[in-house]
Amino acid sequence: MAEITAFGEPEFFSTSQIRDYCGNARKVLRPMHHELMVSAEELHAALKYVRSADPKAAGLDSRVRARLVARHMHTAADALLVAQSAMVKTYLSFRRHYVVELNEAGFKDKARREFRFDD
């Protein structure tokens, strides 16, 4: 059975392949971030109304515990936001560190597959 990758095939032999892979990863991660943010808010809203076992706390403990539980989902959403920005930074860093130098040097190595700068 063929393996399907969500971001596309990780073949990095040209500028456009790196750009496309980073762009696809960002496009896949973006809706997941928003979904987790909304889900965390919904989870918090549902849990804060759970009846408390301690009548002296007047429901305050339920709200605190709901925030603690939902915060983990917020952390996951924040991690996806970091992943999205890291994909953009990956491509921009590649452009800054490789494109100019390799074009100026006229790098060609016949033993390896040639890297094309095809923007």
N, C-alpha and C. Protein backbone atom coordinates (compact mmCIF):
# COMPACT_ATOMS: atom_id res chain seq x y z
N MET A 1 0.83 -1.17 0.00
CA MET A 1 0.00 0.00 0.00
C MET A 1 0.88 1.24 0.00
N ALA A 2 0.55 2.18 -0.86
CA ALA A 2 1.35 3.40 -0.97
C ALA A 2 1.07 4.32 0.21
N GLU A 3 2.14 4.89 0.73
CA GLU A 3 2.02 5.81 1.86
C GLU A 3 1.69 7.21 1.34
N ILE A 4 0.68 7.84 1.92
CA ILE A 4 0.26 9.17 1.52
C ILE A 4 0.76 10.16 2.57
N THR A 5 1.48 11.18 2.12
CA THR A 5 1.96 12.19 3.06
C THR A 5 1.08 13.43 2.94
N ALA A 6 0.76 14.04 4.06
CA ALA A 6 -0.13 15.20 4.08
C ALA A 6 0.51 16.44 3.47
N PHE A 7 1.81 16.56 3.56
CA PHE A 7 2.49 17.75 3.07
C PHE A 7 3.01 17.60 1.64
N GLY A 8 2.94 16.42 1.09
CA GLY A 8 3.49 16.15 -0.22
C GLY A 8 4.76 15.33 -0.08
N GLU A 9 5.32 14.98 -1.22
CA GLU A 9 6.55 14.20 -1.21
C GLU A 9 7.73 15.06 -0.76
N PRO A 10 8.51 14.58 0.20
CA PRO A 10 9.67 15.36 0.66
C PRO A 10 10.88 15.16 -0.25
N GLU A 11 10.76 15.67 -1.47
CA GLU A 11 11.88 15.64 -2.42
C GLU A 11 12.38 17.06 -2.55
N PHE A 12 13.63 17.26 -2.21
CA PHE A 12 14.19 18.61 -2.15
C PHE A 12 15.34 18.75 -3.14
N PHE A 13 15.00 18.77 -4.43
CA PHE A 13 16.02 18.89 -5.46
C PHE A 13 15.90 20.18 -6.26
N SER A 14 14.98 21.05 -5.87
CA SER A 14 14.85 22.35 -6.52
C SER A 14 14.23 23.34 -5.56
N THR A 15 14.38 24.60 -5.89
CA THR A 15 13.82 25.65 -5.07
C THR A 15 12.30 25.51 -4.97
N SER A 16 11.67 25.21 -6.09
CA SER A 16 10.21 25.11 -6.09
C SER A 16 9.72 23.93 -5.25
N GLN A 17 10.47 22.84 -5.18
CA GLN A 17 10.08 21.71 -4.35
C GLN A 17 10.13 22.07 -2.87
N ILE A 18 11.14 22.83 -2.46
CA ILE A 18 11.23 23.27 -1.07
C ILE A 18 10.10 24.25 -0.76
N ARG A 19 9.87 25.20 -1.66
CA ARG A 19 8.80 26.17 -1.47
C ARG A 19 7.43 25.48 -1.39
N ASP A 20 7.17 24.55 -2.29
CA ASP A 20 5.88 23.86 -2.31
C ASP A 20 5.67 23.03 -1.05
N TYR A 21 6.71 22.34 -0.61
CA TYR A 21 6.58 21.50 0.60
C TYR A 21 6.29 22.37 1.82
N CYS A 22 7.04 23.46 1.98
CA CYS A 22 6.81 24.36 3.12
C CYS A 22 5.43 25.00 3.05
N GLY A 23 5.02 25.39 1.85
CA GLY A 23 3.69 25.99 1.68
C GLY A 23 2.57 25.00 1.97
N ASN A 24 2.73 23.76 1.51
CA ASN A 24 1.72 22.73 1.78
C ASN A 24 1.61 22.44 3.27
N ALA A 25 2.74 22.36 3.93
CA ALA A 25 2.72 22.10 5.38
C ALA A 25 1.99 23.22 6.11
N ARG A 26 2.25 24.44 5.71
CA ARG A 26 1.58 25.59 6.34
C ARG A 26 0.08 25.55 6.08
N LYS A 27 -0.32 25.19 4.86
CA LYS A 27 -1.75 25.13 4.53
C LYS A 27 -2.47 24.03 5.31
N VAL A 28 -1.79 22.93 5.58
CA VAL A 28 -2.40 21.83 6.35
C VAL A 28 -2.50 22.20 7.82
N LEU A 29 -1.49 22.85 8.36
CA LEU A 29 -1.45 23.17 9.79
C LEU A 29 -2.37 24.32 10.18
N ARG A 30 -2.59 25.26 9.27
CA ARG A 30 -3.38 26.45 9.61
C ARG A 30 -4.80 26.12 10.09
N PRO A 31 -5.59 25.32 9.37
CA PRO A 31 -6.94 25.03 9.88
C PRO A 31 -6.92 24.22 11.18
N MET A 32 -5.91 23.40 11.38
CA MET A 32 -5.81 22.64 12.62
C MET A 32 -5.61 23.56 13.82
N HIS A 33 -4.83 24.61 13.63
CA HIS A 33 -4.61 25.58 14.71
C HIS A 33 -5.93 26.23 15.11
N HIS A 34 -6.68 26.69 14.13
CA HIS A 34 -7.95 27.35 14.44
C HIS A 34 -8.95 26.38 15.08
N GLU A 35 -8.97 25.16 14.61
CA GLU A 35 -9.87 24.16 15.18
C GLU A 35 -9.54 23.89 16.65
N LEU A 36 -8.26 23.77 16.96
CA LEU A 36 -7.88 23.53 18.35
C LEU A 36 -8.17 24.73 19.25
N MET A 37 -8.00 25.94 18.74
CA MET A 37 -8.32 27.12 19.55
C MET A 37 -9.80 27.16 19.88
N VAL A 38 -10.65 26.93 18.90
CA VAL A 38 -12.09 26.94 19.13
C VAL A 38 -12.49 25.79 20.05
N SER A 39 -11.91 24.62 19.83
CA SER A 39 -12.22 23.46 20.66
C SER A 39 -11.81 23.68 22.11
N ALA A 40 -10.70 24.34 22.33
CA ALA A 40 -10.26 24.62 23.70
C ALA A 40 -11.25 25.54 24.40
N GLU A 41 -11.75 26.52 23.68
CA GLU A 41 -12.75 27.42 24.27
C GLU A 41 -14.05 26.67 24.58
N GLU A 42 -14.45 25.78 23.68
CA GLU A 42 -15.66 24.99 23.91
C GLU A 42 -15.48 24.04 25.10
N LEU A 43 -14.31 23.43 25.20
CA LEU A 43 -14.02 22.54 26.32
C LEU A 43 -14.08 23.30 27.64
N HIS A 44 -13.47 24.48 27.65
CA HIS A 44 -13.50 25.30 28.86
C HIS A 44 -14.94 25.67 29.23
N ALA A 45 -15.71 26.06 28.25
CA ALA A 45 -17.10 26.44 28.51
C ALA A 45 -17.92 25.28 29.05
N ALA A 46 -17.68 24.09 28.54
CA ALA A 46 -18.43 22.92 29.01
C ALA A 46 -18.01 22.51 30.41
N LEU A 47 -16.72 22.55 30.70
CA LEU A 47 -16.24 22.06 31.99
C LEU A 47 -16.46 23.04 33.14
N LYS A 48 -16.54 24.32 32.86
CA LYS A 48 -16.67 25.26 33.96
C LYS A 48 -18.04 25.20 34.63
N TYR A 49 -19.00 24.55 33.99
CA TYR A 49 -20.33 24.42 34.59
C TYR A 49 -20.56 23.05 35.24
N VAL A 50 -19.53 22.21 35.31
CA VAL A 50 -19.65 20.94 36.01
C VAL A 50 -19.80 21.24 37.49
N ARG A 51 -20.78 20.60 38.10
CA ARG A 51 -21.07 20.86 39.51
C ARG A 51 -19.88 20.46 40.39
N SER A 52 -19.53 21.33 41.29
CA SER A 52 -18.40 21.12 42.18
C SER A 52 -18.76 20.13 43.28
N ALA A 53 -17.78 19.35 43.71
CA ALA A 53 -17.98 18.41 44.81
C ALA A 53 -17.84 19.11 46.16
N ASP A 54 -17.24 20.29 46.15
CA ASP A 54 -17.03 21.05 47.38
C ASP A 54 -18.01 22.23 47.41
N PRO A 55 -19.05 22.17 48.23
CA PRO A 55 -20.04 23.26 48.25
C PRO A 55 -19.49 24.58 48.77
N LYS A 56 -18.41 24.56 49.53
CA LYS A 56 -17.83 25.79 50.06
C LYS A 56 -17.13 26.62 48.97
N ALA A 57 -16.72 25.96 47.88
CA ALA A 57 -15.99 26.65 46.82
C ALA A 57 -16.91 27.47 45.92
N ALA A 58 -18.21 27.23 45.99
CA ALA A 58 -19.21 27.96 45.21
C ALA A 58 -18.95 27.90 43.71
N GLY A 59 -18.44 26.77 43.23
CA GLY A 59 -18.22 26.60 41.79
C GLY A 59 -16.92 27.19 41.28
N LEU A 60 -16.19 27.89 42.11
CA LEU A 60 -14.94 28.51 41.68
C LEU A 60 -13.91 27.45 41.29
N ASP A 61 -13.90 26.34 42.04
CA ASP A 61 -12.92 25.29 41.73
C ASP A 61 -13.20 24.67 40.36
N SER A 62 -14.46 24.56 39.95
CA SER A 62 -14.77 24.02 38.62
C SER A 62 -14.24 24.92 37.52
N ARG A 63 -14.36 26.22 37.72
CA ARG A 63 -13.86 27.15 36.70
C ARG A 63 -12.33 27.09 36.60
N VAL A 64 -11.68 26.96 37.73
CA VAL A 64 -10.21 26.88 37.73
C VAL A 64 -9.76 25.57 37.07
N ARG A 65 -10.40 24.48 37.45
CA ARG A 65 -10.01 23.20 36.85
C ARG A 65 -10.31 23.18 35.36
N ALA A 66 -11.41 23.78 34.94
CA ALA A 66 -11.74 23.84 33.51
C ALA A 66 -10.66 24.61 32.75
N ARG A 67 -10.19 25.70 33.32
CA ARG A 67 -9.13 26.49 32.68
C ARG A 67 -7.84 25.69 32.59
N LEU A 68 -7.52 24.94 33.64
CA LEU A 68 -6.30 24.12 33.64
C LEU A 68 -6.36 23.04 32.56
N VAL A 69 -7.52 22.40 32.42
CA VAL A 69 -7.66 21.33 31.42
C VAL A 69 -7.63 21.92 30.01
N ALA A 70 -8.38 22.99 29.77
CA ALA A 70 -8.44 23.60 28.44
C ALA A 70 -7.11 24.21 28.03
N ARG A 71 -6.30 24.61 29.01
CA ARG A 71 -5.01 25.22 28.69
C ARG A 71 -4.10 24.27 27.92
N HIS A 72 -4.23 22.97 28.17
CA HIS A 72 -3.42 22.00 27.43
C HIS A 72 -3.76 22.01 25.95
N MET A 73 -5.04 22.16 25.64
CA MET A 73 -5.44 22.23 24.24
C MET A 73 -4.98 23.54 23.61
N HIS A 74 -5.00 24.62 24.38
CA HIS A 74 -4.46 25.89 23.90
C HIS A 74 -2.97 25.76 23.60
N THR A 75 -2.27 25.02 24.44
CA THR A 75 -0.83 24.80 24.22
C THR A 75 -0.59 24.05 22.91
N ALA A 76 -1.43 23.05 22.63
CA ALA A 76 -1.31 22.31 21.37
C ALA A 76 -1.56 23.23 20.19
N ALA A 77 -2.55 24.11 20.30
CA ALA A 77 -2.83 25.06 19.23
C ALA A 77 -1.66 26.02 19.04
N ASP A 78 -1.08 26.47 20.14
CA ASP A 78 0.09 27.36 20.05
C ASP A 78 1.27 26.65 19.37
N ALA A 79 1.41 25.36 19.64
CA ALA A 79 2.49 24.60 19.00
C ALA A 79 2.29 24.52 17.49
N LEU A 80 1.04 24.40 17.05
CA LEU A 80 0.78 24.39 15.61
C LEU A 80 1.08 25.75 14.99
N LEU A 81 0.81 26.81 15.73
CA LEU A 81 1.13 28.14 15.23
C LEU A 81 2.65 28.30 15.07
N VAL A 82 3.39 27.78 16.02
CA VAL A 82 4.86 27.80 15.92
C VAL A 82 5.32 26.97 14.73
N ALA A 83 4.69 25.82 14.51
CA ALA A 83 5.06 24.98 13.36
C ALA A 83 4.78 25.69 12.04
N GLN A 84 3.67 26.39 11.95
CA GLN A 84 3.36 27.14 10.73
C GLN A 84 4.42 28.19 10.45
N SER A 85 4.75 28.97 11.45
CA SER A 85 5.74 30.02 11.24
C SER A 85 7.12 29.44 10.96
N ALA A 86 7.41 28.28 11.54
CA ALA A 86 8.71 27.63 11.28
C ALA A 86 8.80 27.17 9.83
N MET A 87 7.69 26.76 9.23
CA MET A 87 7.71 26.36 7.82
C MET A 87 8.02 27.56 6.92
N VAL A 88 7.43 28.69 7.23
CA VAL A 88 7.72 29.90 6.46
C VAL A 88 9.18 30.30 6.66
N LYS A 89 9.65 30.25 7.89
CA LYS A 89 11.04 30.60 8.19
C LYS A 89 12.02 29.65 7.52
N THR A 90 11.64 28.38 7.38
CA THR A 90 12.51 27.40 6.72
C THR A 90 12.78 27.83 5.28
N TYR A 91 11.73 28.16 4.56
CA TYR A 91 11.91 28.55 3.16
C TYR A 91 12.66 29.87 3.05
N LEU A 92 12.32 30.84 3.89
CA LEU A 92 13.01 32.13 3.83
C LEU A 92 14.48 31.99 4.22
N SER A 93 14.77 31.14 5.18
CA SER A 93 16.15 30.90 5.57
C SER A 93 16.93 30.23 4.44
N PHE A 94 16.28 29.29 3.77
CA PHE A 94 16.92 28.64 2.62
C PHE A 94 17.26 29.69 1.57
N ARG A 95 16.30 30.57 1.27
CA ARG A 95 16.56 31.60 0.27
C ARG A 95 17.73 32.49 0.68
N ARG A 96 17.77 32.86 1.94
CA ARG A 96 18.83 33.75 2.40
C ARG A 96 20.19 33.06 2.39
N HIS A 97 20.24 31.79 2.77
CA HIS A 97 21.53 31.12 2.96
C HIS A 97 22.07 30.41 1.73
N TYR A 98 21.23 30.06 0.76
CA TYR A 98 21.72 29.24 -0.33
C TYR A 98 21.60 29.84 -1.72
N VAL A 99 20.54 30.50 -2.05
CA VAL A 99 20.28 30.88 -3.42
C VAL A 99 21.38 31.76 -4.00
N VAL A 100 21.74 32.80 -3.32
CA VAL A 100 22.73 33.74 -3.86
C VAL A 100 24.10 33.06 -4.02
N GLU A 101 24.55 32.38 -2.99
CA GLU A 101 25.89 31.77 -3.04
C GLU A 101 25.99 30.69 -4.12
N LEU A 102 24.98 29.85 -4.23
CA LEU A 102 25.05 28.78 -5.23
C LEU A 102 24.94 29.32 -6.64
N ASN A 103 24.15 30.35 -6.85
CA ASN A 103 24.07 30.95 -8.18
C ASN A 103 25.39 31.60 -8.57
N GLU A 104 26.01 32.29 -7.63
CA GLU A 104 27.30 32.94 -7.92
C GLU A 104 28.40 31.93 -8.16
N ALA A 105 28.41 30.85 -7.42
CA ALA A 105 29.47 29.85 -7.56
C ALA A 105 29.28 28.97 -8.78
N GLY A 106 28.09 28.95 -9.35
CA GLY A 106 27.83 28.08 -10.49
C GLY A 106 28.00 26.62 -10.10
N PHE A 107 27.53 26.24 -8.93
CA PHE A 107 27.70 24.90 -8.37
C PHE A 107 27.09 23.84 -9.27
N LYS A 108 27.92 22.89 -9.66
CA LYS A 108 27.44 21.73 -10.42
C LYS A 108 28.26 20.53 -10.00
N ASP A 109 27.59 19.52 -9.55
CA ASP A 109 28.24 18.28 -9.16
C ASP A 109 27.58 17.16 -9.93
N LYS A 110 28.29 16.59 -10.89
CA LYS A 110 27.72 15.57 -11.77
C LYS A 110 27.45 14.25 -11.05
N ALA A 111 28.12 14.02 -9.92
CA ALA A 111 27.92 12.76 -9.20
C ALA A 111 26.58 12.74 -8.47
N ARG A 112 26.06 13.92 -8.14
CA ARG A 112 24.79 13.99 -7.42
C ARG A 112 23.72 14.58 -8.35
N ARG A 113 22.49 14.38 -7.97
CA ARG A 113 21.39 14.96 -8.71
C ARG A 113 21.49 16.48 -8.64
N GLU A 114 21.30 17.15 -9.76
CA GLU A 114 21.49 18.59 -9.82
C GLU A 114 20.35 19.32 -9.14
N PHE A 115 20.70 20.36 -8.40
CA PHE A 115 19.73 21.22 -7.73
C PHE A 115 19.45 22.39 -8.65
N ARG A 116 18.16 22.60 -8.98
CA ARG A 116 17.78 23.69 -9.90
C ARG A 116 17.16 24.84 -9.12
N PHE A 117 17.62 26.06 -9.40
CA PHE A 117 16.99 27.25 -8.85
C PHE A 117 16.05 27.76 -9.92
N ASP A 118 14.77 27.44 -9.76
CA ASP A 118 13.81 27.70 -10.82
C ASP A 118 12.69 28.63 -10.43
N ASP A 119 12.99 29.62 -9.65
CA ASP A 119 11.92 30.58 -9.27
C ASP A 119 11.61 31.43 -10.43
